[in-house]
């Protein structure tokens, strides 16, 4: 799952710079096998409803970096590297997230969320939303963001999908989220950021 996720089993951080990381030989075979599958790094965001006007962007109430109108509530976000998109009419999206995260609280309350694929320039942002990098002033306090009706998306992400929550259930250590894709916005062909064996990777031609 995520470089990220707090839904990892106890006793194991997997970030490659963590001196307290569980050695490979002490991890479960399933976890080690999962680490060998390169995964795209995405950012999931949503708005907590009924909180418009509060300082959810980490700055002045209702303001957001990059200018523009505030979103419909206080935003939440989480780095996720377990996202799967199924083509169809309509398209569907699956992902594993932390049930105790602020992101899931916002998604389950609002019923919608945005998913943006991250690129090589977003490594620090990915770590910030994974809880592995300091976020003074709040997760959304730095960088340029675009407000959408589903959740804020980072500038330069190359696109995003707006999703409607269909359901969720416990799946391993995480929560399997099922959603319908309601809208897709594409902007160029940004290179993806991948996560493989505890490290970020860039796609090689």
N, C-alpha and C. Protein backbone atom coordinates (compact mmCIF):
# COMPACT_ATOMS: atom_id res chain seq x y z
N UNK A 1 0.84 -1.16 0.00
CA UNK A 1 0.00 0.00 0.00
C UNK A 1 0.88 1.21 0.00
N UNK A 2 0.82 2.03 0.86
CA UNK A 2 1.34 3.35 0.75
C UNK A 2 2.71 3.47 1.37
N UNK A 3 3.48 4.48 0.93
CA UNK A 3 4.71 4.68 1.67
C UNK A 3 4.27 5.08 3.01
N UNK A 4 3.14 5.11 3.22
CA UNK A 4 2.24 5.92 3.88
C UNK A 4 1.59 5.41 5.05
N UNK A 5 1.01 4.45 4.77
CA UNK A 5 -0.23 4.35 5.42
C UNK A 5 -0.10 3.96 6.86
N UNK A 6 -0.93 4.56 7.66
CA UNK A 6 -0.99 4.17 9.04
C UNK A 6 -1.77 2.88 9.20
N UNK A 7 -2.26 2.30 8.12
CA UNK A 7 -2.94 1.02 8.20
C UNK A 7 -1.95 -0.14 8.06
N UNK A 8 -0.66 0.15 8.08
CA UNK A 8 0.34 -0.89 8.08
C UNK A 8 0.24 -1.68 9.38
N UNK A 9 0.58 -2.97 9.38
CA UNK A 9 0.56 -3.74 10.62
C UNK A 9 1.53 -3.18 11.63
N UNK A 10 1.27 -3.36 12.93
CA UNK A 10 2.15 -2.81 13.96
C UNK A 10 3.58 -3.30 13.78
N UNK A 11 4.51 -2.42 14.12
CA UNK A 11 5.91 -2.79 14.12
C UNK A 11 6.60 -2.57 12.81
N UNK A 12 6.01 -1.81 11.89
CA UNK A 12 6.70 -1.71 10.63
C UNK A 12 6.48 -0.44 9.86
N UNK A 13 7.41 0.48 9.92
CA UNK A 13 7.46 1.58 8.98
C UNK A 13 8.21 1.08 7.76
N UNK A 14 7.87 1.59 6.58
CA UNK A 14 8.56 1.09 5.39
C UNK A 14 9.28 2.19 4.63
N UNK A 15 9.33 3.38 5.20
CA UNK A 15 10.03 4.46 4.50
C UNK A 15 11.52 4.19 4.53
N UNK A 16 12.19 4.33 3.39
CA UNK A 16 13.58 3.88 3.29
C UNK A 16 14.55 4.67 4.13
N UNK A 17 14.16 5.85 4.63
CA UNK A 17 15.06 6.62 5.46
C UNK A 17 14.81 6.39 6.96
N UNK A 18 13.88 5.52 7.31
CA UNK A 18 13.53 5.28 8.71
C UNK A 18 14.54 4.33 9.34
N UNK A 19 15.33 4.81 10.32
CA UNK A 19 16.32 3.93 10.95
C UNK A 19 15.69 2.84 11.79
N UNK A 20 14.40 2.97 12.10
CA UNK A 20 13.71 1.98 12.92
C UNK A 20 12.87 1.03 12.08
N UNK A 21 13.08 1.03 10.77
CA UNK A 21 12.30 0.18 9.88
C UNK A 21 12.53 -1.30 10.22
N UNK A 22 11.48 -2.09 10.09
CA UNK A 22 11.58 -3.52 10.32
C UNK A 22 12.44 -4.16 9.23
N UNK A 23 13.47 -4.92 9.58
CA UNK A 23 14.31 -5.58 8.56
C UNK A 23 13.47 -6.49 7.68
N UNK A 24 13.90 -6.64 6.43
CA UNK A 24 13.16 -7.47 5.47
C UNK A 24 12.86 -8.86 6.00
N UNK A 25 13.86 -9.49 6.61
CA UNK A 25 13.70 -10.87 7.03
C UNK A 25 12.68 -11.03 8.15
N UNK A 26 12.30 -9.91 8.81
CA UNK A 26 11.31 -9.97 9.87
C UNK A 26 9.91 -9.59 9.40
N UNK A 27 9.77 -9.21 8.13
CA UNK A 27 8.46 -8.86 7.59
C UNK A 27 7.78 -10.10 7.03
N UNK A 28 6.47 -10.03 6.95
CA UNK A 28 5.73 -11.17 6.42
C UNK A 28 6.05 -11.35 4.94
N UNK A 29 6.00 -12.59 4.44
CA UNK A 29 6.23 -12.82 3.01
C UNK A 29 5.26 -12.04 2.14
N UNK A 30 4.01 -11.90 2.59
CA UNK A 30 3.03 -11.15 1.81
C UNK A 30 3.46 -9.70 1.68
N UNK A 31 3.93 -9.11 2.76
CA UNK A 31 4.36 -7.72 2.72
C UNK A 31 5.56 -7.54 1.81
N UNK A 32 6.48 -8.49 1.87
CA UNK A 32 7.67 -8.40 1.02
C UNK A 32 7.30 -8.58 -0.45
N UNK A 33 6.35 -9.47 -0.72
CA UNK A 33 5.89 -9.66 -2.10
C UNK A 33 5.22 -8.40 -2.62
N UNK A 34 4.39 -7.79 -1.78
CA UNK A 34 3.73 -6.55 -2.17
C UNK A 34 4.73 -5.47 -2.52
N UNK A 35 5.84 -5.41 -1.79
CA UNK A 35 6.85 -4.40 -2.04
C UNK A 35 7.52 -4.53 -3.40
N UNK A 36 7.42 -5.70 -4.01
CA UNK A 36 8.03 -5.91 -5.32
C UNK A 36 7.12 -5.50 -6.47
N UNK A 37 5.91 -5.06 -6.16
CA UNK A 37 4.98 -4.61 -7.18
C UNK A 37 5.02 -3.08 -7.25
N UNK A 38 5.54 -2.55 -8.33
CA UNK A 38 5.60 -1.09 -8.47
C UNK A 38 4.19 -0.52 -8.52
N UNK A 39 3.95 0.53 -7.75
CA UNK A 39 2.62 1.12 -7.65
C UNK A 39 2.66 2.61 -7.93
N UNK A 40 1.66 3.15 -8.65
CA UNK A 40 1.60 4.60 -8.86
C UNK A 40 1.22 5.31 -7.57
N UNK A 41 1.86 6.43 -7.32
CA UNK A 41 1.58 7.21 -6.11
C UNK A 41 0.50 8.25 -6.45
N UNK A 42 -0.58 8.23 -5.69
CA UNK A 42 -1.68 9.17 -5.91
C UNK A 42 -1.98 9.94 -4.62
N UNK A 43 -2.66 11.06 -4.79
CA UNK A 43 -3.14 11.83 -3.64
C UNK A 43 -4.65 11.85 -3.69
N UNK A 44 -5.28 11.37 -2.61
CA UNK A 44 -6.72 11.41 -2.46
C UNK A 44 -7.07 12.58 -1.55
N UNK A 45 -8.03 13.39 -1.94
CA UNK A 45 -8.46 14.52 -1.12
C UNK A 45 -9.98 14.59 -1.07
N UNK A 46 -10.49 15.21 -0.03
CA UNK A 46 -11.93 15.40 0.12
C UNK A 46 -12.15 16.58 1.05
N UNK A 47 -13.38 17.08 1.09
CA UNK A 47 -13.76 18.15 2.00
C UNK A 47 -14.64 17.59 3.11
N UNK A 48 -14.32 17.94 4.34
CA UNK A 48 -15.20 17.61 5.45
C UNK A 48 -16.40 18.55 5.38
N UNK A 49 -17.60 18.05 5.19
CA UNK A 49 -18.77 18.92 5.02
C UNK A 49 -19.13 19.68 6.28
N UNK A 50 -19.79 20.82 6.08
CA UNK A 50 -20.26 21.61 7.21
C UNK A 50 -19.17 22.39 7.91
N UNK A 51 -18.01 22.54 7.25
CA UNK A 51 -16.89 23.23 7.90
C UNK A 51 -16.38 24.37 7.05
N UNK A 52 -17.18 24.84 6.10
CA UNK A 52 -16.74 25.93 5.23
C UNK A 52 -16.42 27.17 6.04
N UNK A 53 -15.36 27.87 5.62
CA UNK A 53 -14.99 29.11 6.29
C UNK A 53 -13.99 28.94 7.40
N UNK A 54 -13.74 27.69 7.83
CA UNK A 54 -12.73 27.48 8.85
C UNK A 54 -11.36 27.41 8.18
N UNK A 55 -10.33 27.44 9.01
CA UNK A 55 -8.97 27.52 8.46
C UNK A 55 -8.46 26.15 8.02
N UNK A 56 -9.13 25.54 7.07
CA UNK A 56 -8.76 24.20 6.63
C UNK A 56 -7.55 24.18 5.72
N UNK A 57 -7.20 25.31 5.15
CA UNK A 57 -6.05 25.32 4.24
C UNK A 57 -4.76 25.63 4.99
N UNK A 58 -4.83 25.75 6.30
CA UNK A 58 -3.63 25.99 7.08
C UNK A 58 -3.26 27.45 7.14
N UNK A 59 -4.06 28.32 6.57
CA UNK A 59 -3.80 29.74 6.62
C UNK A 59 -5.02 30.47 7.13
N UNK A 60 -5.29 31.65 6.56
CA UNK A 60 -6.46 32.41 6.99
C UNK A 60 -7.72 31.63 6.66
N UNK A 61 -8.77 31.86 7.45
CA UNK A 61 -10.02 31.14 7.26
C UNK A 61 -10.53 31.33 5.84
N UNK A 62 -10.80 30.21 5.18
CA UNK A 62 -11.36 30.25 3.84
C UNK A 62 -10.36 30.47 2.73
N UNK A 63 -9.12 30.79 3.05
CA UNK A 63 -8.12 31.06 2.01
C UNK A 63 -7.43 29.77 1.59
N UNK A 64 -6.82 29.81 0.41
CA UNK A 64 -6.05 28.65 0.00
C UNK A 64 -4.84 29.12 -0.80
N UNK A 65 -3.72 28.38 -0.74
CA UNK A 65 -2.56 28.75 -1.54
C UNK A 65 -2.92 28.77 -3.01
N UNK A 66 -2.32 29.69 -3.74
CA UNK A 66 -2.58 29.79 -5.16
C UNK A 66 -3.72 30.72 -5.50
N UNK A 67 -4.42 31.23 -4.48
CA UNK A 67 -5.53 32.15 -4.72
C UNK A 67 -6.79 31.44 -5.10
N UNK A 68 -7.85 32.19 -5.33
CA UNK A 68 -9.12 31.62 -5.74
C UNK A 68 -10.05 31.40 -4.58
N UNK A 69 -11.25 30.93 -4.89
CA UNK A 69 -12.27 30.74 -3.87
C UNK A 69 -11.96 29.53 -3.01
N UNK A 70 -12.35 29.55 -1.73
CA UNK A 70 -12.14 28.39 -0.87
C UNK A 70 -13.04 27.24 -1.27
N UNK A 71 -12.73 26.06 -0.80
CA UNK A 71 -13.56 24.90 -1.08
C UNK A 71 -14.79 24.89 -0.19
N UNK A 72 -15.65 23.88 -0.34
CA UNK A 72 -16.89 23.82 0.43
C UNK A 72 -16.72 23.35 1.86
N UNK A 73 -15.53 23.12 2.31
CA UNK A 73 -15.30 22.68 3.67
C UNK A 73 -13.81 22.57 3.94
N UNK A 74 -13.47 22.02 5.11
CA UNK A 74 -12.06 21.83 5.46
C UNK A 74 -11.52 20.62 4.72
N UNK A 75 -10.43 20.76 3.97
CA UNK A 75 -9.92 19.65 3.17
C UNK A 75 -9.09 18.66 3.99
N UNK A 76 -9.11 17.43 3.54
CA UNK A 76 -8.28 16.37 4.10
C UNK A 76 -7.64 15.63 2.95
N UNK A 77 -6.50 14.99 3.20
CA UNK A 77 -5.83 14.28 2.13
C UNK A 77 -4.97 13.15 2.65
N UNK A 78 -4.64 12.20 1.76
CA UNK A 78 -3.81 11.06 2.12
C UNK A 78 -3.10 10.56 0.88
N UNK A 79 -1.81 10.26 1.01
CA UNK A 79 -1.05 9.62 -0.06
C UNK A 79 -1.45 8.16 -0.14
N UNK A 80 -1.77 7.70 -1.35
CA UNK A 80 -2.23 6.31 -1.54
C UNK A 80 -1.51 5.72 -2.75
N UNK A 81 -0.91 4.55 -2.57
CA UNK A 81 -0.27 3.88 -3.71
C UNK A 81 -0.95 2.55 -4.00
N UNK A 82 -2.20 2.44 -3.62
CA UNK A 82 -2.96 1.21 -3.88
C UNK A 82 -4.24 1.56 -4.61
N UNK A 83 -4.11 2.29 -5.71
CA UNK A 83 -5.26 2.75 -6.48
C UNK A 83 -5.38 1.95 -7.78
N UNK A 84 -6.59 1.49 -8.07
CA UNK A 84 -6.85 0.74 -9.29
C UNK A 84 -8.06 1.34 -10.00
N UNK A 85 -7.92 1.58 -11.30
CA UNK A 85 -9.00 2.15 -12.11
C UNK A 85 -9.49 1.09 -13.08
N UNK A 86 -10.82 0.89 -13.12
CA UNK A 86 -11.44 -0.07 -14.04
C UNK A 86 -12.25 0.70 -15.07
N UNK A 87 -11.91 0.51 -16.35
CA UNK A 87 -12.65 1.18 -17.41
C UNK A 87 -14.04 0.58 -17.55
N UNK A 88 -14.98 1.39 -17.98
CA UNK A 88 -16.35 0.92 -18.15
C UNK A 88 -17.29 2.09 -18.26
N UNK A 89 -18.59 1.79 -18.29
CA UNK A 89 -19.61 2.83 -18.35
C UNK A 89 -20.58 2.62 -17.18
N UNK A 90 -20.32 3.25 -16.03
CA UNK A 90 -19.27 4.23 -15.77
C UNK A 90 -17.96 3.56 -15.36
N UNK A 91 -16.89 4.35 -15.33
CA UNK A 91 -15.62 3.87 -14.82
C UNK A 91 -15.68 3.71 -13.31
N UNK A 92 -14.88 2.81 -12.78
CA UNK A 92 -14.86 2.57 -11.34
C UNK A 92 -13.44 2.73 -10.81
N UNK A 93 -13.34 2.97 -9.52
CA UNK A 93 -12.04 3.15 -8.88
C UNK A 93 -12.04 2.42 -7.55
N UNK A 94 -10.93 1.75 -7.25
CA UNK A 94 -10.73 1.05 -5.99
C UNK A 94 -9.45 1.56 -5.33
N UNK A 95 -9.40 1.49 -4.01
CA UNK A 95 -8.18 1.87 -3.32
C UNK A 95 -8.20 1.41 -1.88
N UNK A 96 -7.01 1.25 -1.30
CA UNK A 96 -6.88 0.88 0.11
C UNK A 96 -6.45 2.11 0.89
N UNK A 97 -7.22 2.47 1.91
CA UNK A 97 -6.91 3.64 2.71
C UNK A 97 -6.98 3.28 4.20
N UNK A 98 -6.48 4.17 5.01
CA UNK A 98 -6.48 4.00 6.46
C UNK A 98 -7.85 4.41 7.01
N UNK A 99 -8.52 3.49 7.67
CA UNK A 99 -9.85 3.75 8.20
C UNK A 99 -9.84 4.86 9.25
N UNK A 100 -8.70 5.06 9.93
CA UNK A 100 -8.62 6.06 10.98
C UNK A 100 -8.09 7.40 10.48
N UNK A 101 -7.88 7.55 9.18
CA UNK A 101 -7.34 8.79 8.64
C UNK A 101 -8.40 9.88 8.55
N UNK A 102 -7.95 11.13 8.56
CA UNK A 102 -8.85 12.26 8.37
C UNK A 102 -9.46 12.22 6.97
N UNK A 103 -8.70 11.68 6.02
CA UNK A 103 -9.23 11.56 4.66
C UNK A 103 -10.48 10.70 4.65
N UNK A 104 -10.42 9.53 5.28
CA UNK A 104 -11.58 8.65 5.26
C UNK A 104 -12.77 9.27 6.00
N UNK A 105 -12.51 9.99 7.08
CA UNK A 105 -13.60 10.66 7.79
C UNK A 105 -14.30 11.65 6.87
N UNK A 106 -13.52 12.40 6.07
CA UNK A 106 -14.11 13.37 5.15
C UNK A 106 -14.85 12.68 4.00
N UNK A 107 -14.26 11.61 3.47
CA UNK A 107 -14.89 10.89 2.36
C UNK A 107 -16.20 10.25 2.80
N UNK A 108 -16.18 9.59 3.94
CA UNK A 108 -17.39 8.90 4.40
C UNK A 108 -18.50 9.88 4.74
N UNK A 109 -18.14 11.10 5.13
CA UNK A 109 -19.15 12.11 5.46
C UNK A 109 -19.68 12.82 4.22
N UNK A 110 -18.81 13.09 3.26
CA UNK A 110 -19.21 13.86 2.08
C UNK A 110 -19.69 12.97 0.93
N UNK A 111 -19.17 11.73 0.87
CA UNK A 111 -19.55 10.81 -0.18
C UNK A 111 -18.85 11.04 -1.50
N UNK A 112 -17.82 11.87 -1.50
CA UNK A 112 -17.09 12.14 -2.74
C UNK A 112 -15.65 12.50 -2.43
N UNK A 113 -14.77 12.34 -3.44
CA UNK A 113 -13.36 12.66 -3.24
C UNK A 113 -12.69 12.79 -4.60
N UNK A 114 -11.51 13.41 -4.60
CA UNK A 114 -10.70 13.58 -5.80
C UNK A 114 -9.45 12.71 -5.69
N UNK A 115 -9.01 12.19 -6.83
CA UNK A 115 -7.79 11.39 -6.90
C UNK A 115 -6.89 12.00 -7.97
N UNK A 116 -5.66 12.35 -7.59
CA UNK A 116 -4.71 12.95 -8.53
C UNK A 116 -3.44 12.11 -8.57
N UNK A 117 -2.99 11.67 -9.74
CA UNK A 117 -1.71 10.97 -9.83
C UNK A 117 -0.56 11.96 -9.63
N UNK A 118 0.42 11.58 -8.83
CA UNK A 118 1.54 12.47 -8.55
C UNK A 118 2.71 12.16 -9.48
N UNK A 119 3.58 13.16 -9.65
CA UNK A 119 4.75 13.03 -10.51
C UNK A 119 6.03 13.14 -9.72
N UNK A 120 7.19 13.02 -10.37
CA UNK A 120 8.48 13.08 -9.70
C UNK A 120 8.70 14.35 -8.89
N UNK A 121 8.06 15.46 -9.26
CA UNK A 121 8.25 16.72 -8.52
C UNK A 121 7.43 16.74 -7.23
N UNK A 122 6.62 15.72 -6.99
CA UNK A 122 5.73 15.72 -5.83
C UNK A 122 6.20 14.80 -4.70
N UNK A 123 7.47 14.44 -4.70
CA UNK A 123 7.95 13.51 -3.66
C UNK A 123 7.74 14.06 -2.25
N UNK A 124 8.10 15.32 -2.05
CA UNK A 124 7.94 15.91 -0.73
C UNK A 124 6.47 16.01 -0.35
N UNK A 125 5.64 16.36 -1.32
CA UNK A 125 4.21 16.44 -1.07
C UNK A 125 3.67 15.06 -0.67
N UNK A 126 4.12 14.01 -1.37
CA UNK A 126 3.67 12.66 -1.05
C UNK A 126 4.06 12.29 0.37
N UNK A 127 5.28 12.61 0.77
CA UNK A 127 5.72 12.31 2.13
C UNK A 127 4.93 13.12 3.16
N UNK A 128 4.60 14.36 2.82
CA UNK A 128 3.85 15.21 3.74
C UNK A 128 2.48 14.61 4.02
N UNK A 129 1.79 14.19 2.99
CA UNK A 129 0.45 13.63 3.18
C UNK A 129 0.48 12.20 3.68
N UNK A 130 1.66 11.58 3.67
CA UNK A 130 1.82 10.26 4.27
C UNK A 130 2.20 10.37 5.75
N UNK A 131 2.39 11.59 6.24
CA UNK A 131 2.78 11.77 7.63
C UNK A 131 4.24 11.54 7.89
N UNK A 132 5.06 11.57 6.82
CA UNK A 132 6.49 11.30 6.95
C UNK A 132 7.34 12.56 6.81
N UNK A 133 6.70 13.70 6.61
CA UNK A 133 7.43 14.95 6.43
C UNK A 133 6.66 16.05 7.16
N UNK A 134 7.36 16.97 7.84
CA UNK A 134 6.66 18.02 8.60
C UNK A 134 5.74 18.85 7.72
N UNK A 135 4.63 19.28 8.30
CA UNK A 135 3.66 20.11 7.58
C UNK A 135 3.26 21.30 8.45
N UNK A 136 4.22 22.23 8.71
CA UNK A 136 3.89 23.39 9.54
C UNK A 136 2.78 24.22 8.91
N UNK A 137 1.79 24.53 9.68
CA UNK A 137 0.66 25.31 9.18
C UNK A 137 -0.44 24.48 8.58
N UNK A 138 -0.22 23.17 8.42
CA UNK A 138 -1.24 22.30 7.86
C UNK A 138 -0.80 21.68 6.55
N UNK A 139 -1.43 20.58 6.18
CA UNK A 139 -1.04 19.83 4.99
C UNK A 139 -1.17 20.65 3.71
N UNK A 140 -2.15 21.54 3.65
CA UNK A 140 -2.41 22.30 2.42
C UNK A 140 -1.83 23.71 2.47
N UNK A 141 -0.99 23.99 3.47
CA UNK A 141 -0.50 25.36 3.66
C UNK A 141 0.52 25.79 2.61
N UNK A 142 1.18 24.86 1.95
CA UNK A 142 2.18 25.22 0.95
C UNK A 142 1.83 24.60 -0.39
N UNK A 143 2.38 25.19 -1.44
CA UNK A 143 2.12 24.70 -2.79
C UNK A 143 0.90 25.36 -3.41
N UNK A 144 0.71 25.09 -4.69
CA UNK A 144 -0.42 25.64 -5.41
C UNK A 144 -1.49 24.56 -5.56
N UNK A 145 -2.73 24.94 -5.26
CA UNK A 145 -3.84 24.01 -5.28
C UNK A 145 -4.99 24.56 -6.11
N UNK A 146 -5.72 23.67 -6.73
CA UNK A 146 -6.92 24.04 -7.45
C UNK A 146 -8.12 23.43 -6.74
N UNK A 147 -9.10 24.25 -6.41
CA UNK A 147 -10.28 23.73 -5.76
C UNK A 147 -11.21 23.07 -6.77
N UNK A 148 -11.76 21.92 -6.41
CA UNK A 148 -12.77 21.25 -7.23
C UNK A 148 -13.94 20.91 -6.31
N UNK A 149 -15.01 20.43 -6.88
CA UNK A 149 -16.15 20.05 -6.07
C UNK A 149 -15.96 18.76 -5.32
N UNK A 150 -14.83 18.08 -5.54
CA UNK A 150 -14.56 16.80 -4.90
C UNK A 150 -13.46 16.88 -3.85
N UNK A 151 -12.50 17.75 -4.10
CA UNK A 151 -11.37 17.92 -3.20
C UNK A 151 -10.33 18.76 -3.91
N UNK A 152 -9.42 19.40 -3.18
CA UNK A 152 -8.37 20.19 -3.82
C UNK A 152 -7.36 19.28 -4.51
N UNK A 153 -6.83 19.74 -5.64
CA UNK A 153 -5.83 18.94 -6.35
C UNK A 153 -4.57 19.78 -6.54
N UNK A 154 -3.39 19.15 -6.46
CA UNK A 154 -2.14 19.91 -6.58
C UNK A 154 -1.88 20.34 -8.01
N UNK A 155 -1.29 21.50 -8.16
CA UNK A 155 -0.91 21.99 -9.48
C UNK A 155 0.15 21.06 -10.08
N UNK A 156 0.07 20.84 -11.38
CA UNK A 156 1.07 20.04 -12.06
C UNK A 156 0.89 18.55 -11.91
N UNK A 157 -0.28 18.12 -11.43
CA UNK A 157 -0.49 16.68 -11.23
C UNK A 157 -0.79 15.97 -12.54
N UNK A 158 -1.11 16.70 -13.60
CA UNK A 158 -1.38 16.07 -14.88
C UNK A 158 -2.82 15.65 -15.07
N UNK A 159 -3.63 15.84 -14.04
CA UNK A 159 -5.04 15.50 -14.14
C UNK A 159 -5.59 15.01 -12.82
N UNK A 160 -6.87 14.74 -12.80
CA UNK A 160 -7.52 14.23 -11.60
C UNK A 160 -8.86 13.61 -11.96
N UNK A 161 -9.37 12.79 -11.05
CA UNK A 161 -10.67 12.16 -11.23
C UNK A 161 -11.54 12.51 -10.03
N UNK A 162 -12.79 12.87 -10.30
CA UNK A 162 -13.76 13.11 -9.25
C UNK A 162 -14.59 11.87 -9.04
N UNK A 163 -14.66 11.37 -7.81
CA UNK A 163 -15.27 10.07 -7.54
C UNK A 163 -16.41 10.17 -6.54
N UNK A 164 -17.43 9.33 -6.74
CA UNK A 164 -18.54 9.20 -5.80
C UNK A 164 -18.38 7.90 -5.03
N UNK A 165 -18.41 7.96 -3.73
CA UNK A 165 -18.23 6.79 -2.87
C UNK A 165 -19.40 5.82 -3.04
N UNK A 166 -19.08 4.56 -3.31
CA UNK A 166 -20.10 3.52 -3.41
C UNK A 166 -20.15 2.64 -2.17
N UNK A 167 -19.01 2.42 -1.55
CA UNK A 167 -18.98 1.57 -0.37
C UNK A 167 -17.56 1.31 0.08
N UNK A 168 -17.42 0.65 1.22
CA UNK A 168 -16.11 0.33 1.76
C UNK A 168 -16.24 -0.86 2.71
N UNK A 169 -15.17 -1.63 2.83
CA UNK A 169 -15.15 -2.77 3.74
C UNK A 169 -13.72 -3.04 4.17
N UNK A 170 -13.57 -3.68 5.32
CA UNK A 170 -12.25 -4.02 5.81
C UNK A 170 -11.60 -5.01 4.85
N UNK A 171 -10.32 -4.79 4.59
CA UNK A 171 -9.59 -5.62 3.64
C UNK A 171 -8.16 -5.68 4.11
N UNK A 172 -7.77 -6.80 4.72
CA UNK A 172 -6.44 -6.86 5.31
C UNK A 172 -6.32 -5.86 6.44
N UNK A 173 -5.21 -5.10 6.45
CA UNK A 173 -5.01 -4.08 7.47
C UNK A 173 -5.68 -2.76 7.09
N UNK A 174 -6.30 -2.70 5.95
CA UNK A 174 -6.81 -1.44 5.43
C UNK A 174 -8.32 -1.49 5.19
N UNK A 175 -8.81 -0.44 4.56
CA UNK A 175 -10.20 -0.32 4.17
C UNK A 175 -10.25 -0.26 2.65
N UNK A 176 -10.97 -1.19 2.04
CA UNK A 176 -11.12 -1.20 0.59
C UNK A 176 -12.26 -0.26 0.22
N UNK A 177 -11.92 0.80 -0.51
CA UNK A 177 -12.90 1.81 -0.91
C UNK A 177 -13.28 1.58 -2.36
N UNK A 178 -14.59 1.54 -2.63
CA UNK A 178 -15.11 1.39 -3.98
C UNK A 178 -15.84 2.66 -4.37
N UNK A 179 -15.59 3.14 -5.58
CA UNK A 179 -16.19 4.41 -6.01
C UNK A 179 -16.48 4.39 -7.50
N UNK A 180 -17.39 5.27 -7.90
CA UNK A 180 -17.70 5.50 -9.31
C UNK A 180 -17.04 6.80 -9.75
N UNK A 181 -16.37 6.76 -10.89
CA UNK A 181 -15.73 7.97 -11.42
C UNK A 181 -16.78 8.81 -12.13
N UNK A 182 -16.99 10.02 -11.65
CA UNK A 182 -18.01 10.90 -12.22
C UNK A 182 -17.44 11.89 -13.23
N UNK A 183 -16.18 12.26 -13.04
CA UNK A 183 -15.57 13.21 -13.96
C UNK A 183 -14.07 13.00 -14.01
N UNK A 184 -13.46 13.28 -15.16
CA UNK A 184 -12.01 13.17 -15.31
C UNK A 184 -11.51 14.43 -16.01
N UNK A 185 -10.46 15.03 -15.46
CA UNK A 185 -9.82 16.18 -16.08
C UNK A 185 -8.36 15.82 -16.33
N UNK A 186 -7.92 15.94 -17.58
CA UNK A 186 -6.55 15.61 -17.94
C UNK A 186 -5.81 16.87 -18.39
N UNK A 187 -4.53 16.97 -17.99
CA UNK A 187 -3.74 18.14 -18.32
C UNK A 187 -2.33 17.68 -18.69
N UNK A 188 -2.10 17.46 -19.98
CA UNK A 188 -0.79 17.03 -20.42
C UNK A 188 -0.55 15.56 -20.11
N UNK A 189 0.69 15.16 -20.20
CA UNK A 189 1.08 13.76 -19.98
C UNK A 189 2.23 13.72 -18.98
N UNK A 190 1.95 14.09 -17.75
CA UNK A 190 2.98 14.13 -16.72
C UNK A 190 3.51 12.73 -16.42
N UNK A 191 4.82 12.62 -16.17
CA UNK A 191 5.42 11.34 -15.81
C UNK A 191 4.93 10.91 -14.43
N UNK A 192 4.69 9.62 -14.23
CA UNK A 192 4.19 9.16 -12.94
C UNK A 192 5.30 8.98 -11.91
N UNK A 193 4.92 9.13 -10.65
CA UNK A 193 5.79 8.79 -9.53
C UNK A 193 5.38 7.41 -9.07
N UNK A 194 6.37 6.49 -8.98
CA UNK A 194 6.09 5.11 -8.59
C UNK A 194 6.68 4.82 -7.22
N UNK A 195 6.12 3.81 -6.57
CA UNK A 195 6.64 3.35 -5.28
C UNK A 195 6.97 1.87 -5.39
N UNK A 196 8.24 1.52 -5.12
CA UNK A 196 8.70 0.15 -5.31
C UNK A 196 9.74 -0.19 -4.27
N UNK A 197 9.49 -1.23 -3.50
CA UNK A 197 10.42 -1.72 -2.48
C UNK A 197 10.86 -0.62 -1.52
N UNK A 198 9.89 0.16 -1.05
CA UNK A 198 10.16 1.16 -0.02
C UNK A 198 10.77 2.45 -0.52
N UNK A 199 10.83 2.64 -1.86
CA UNK A 199 11.44 3.86 -2.38
C UNK A 199 10.61 4.41 -3.54
N UNK A 200 10.69 5.73 -3.72
CA UNK A 200 10.08 6.35 -4.87
C UNK A 200 10.94 6.08 -6.10
N UNK A 201 10.29 5.83 -7.22
CA UNK A 201 10.98 5.60 -8.48
C UNK A 201 10.35 6.44 -9.56
N UNK A 202 11.11 6.74 -10.58
CA UNK A 202 10.58 7.40 -11.77
C UNK A 202 10.52 6.41 -12.91
N UNK A 203 9.51 6.53 -13.74
CA UNK A 203 9.34 5.62 -14.85
C UNK A 203 10.43 5.87 -15.89
N UNK A 204 11.16 4.82 -16.24
CA UNK A 204 12.22 4.93 -17.25
C UNK A 204 11.67 4.52 -18.60
N UNK A 205 12.09 5.24 -19.66
CA UNK A 205 11.65 4.90 -21.01
C UNK A 205 12.27 3.57 -21.45
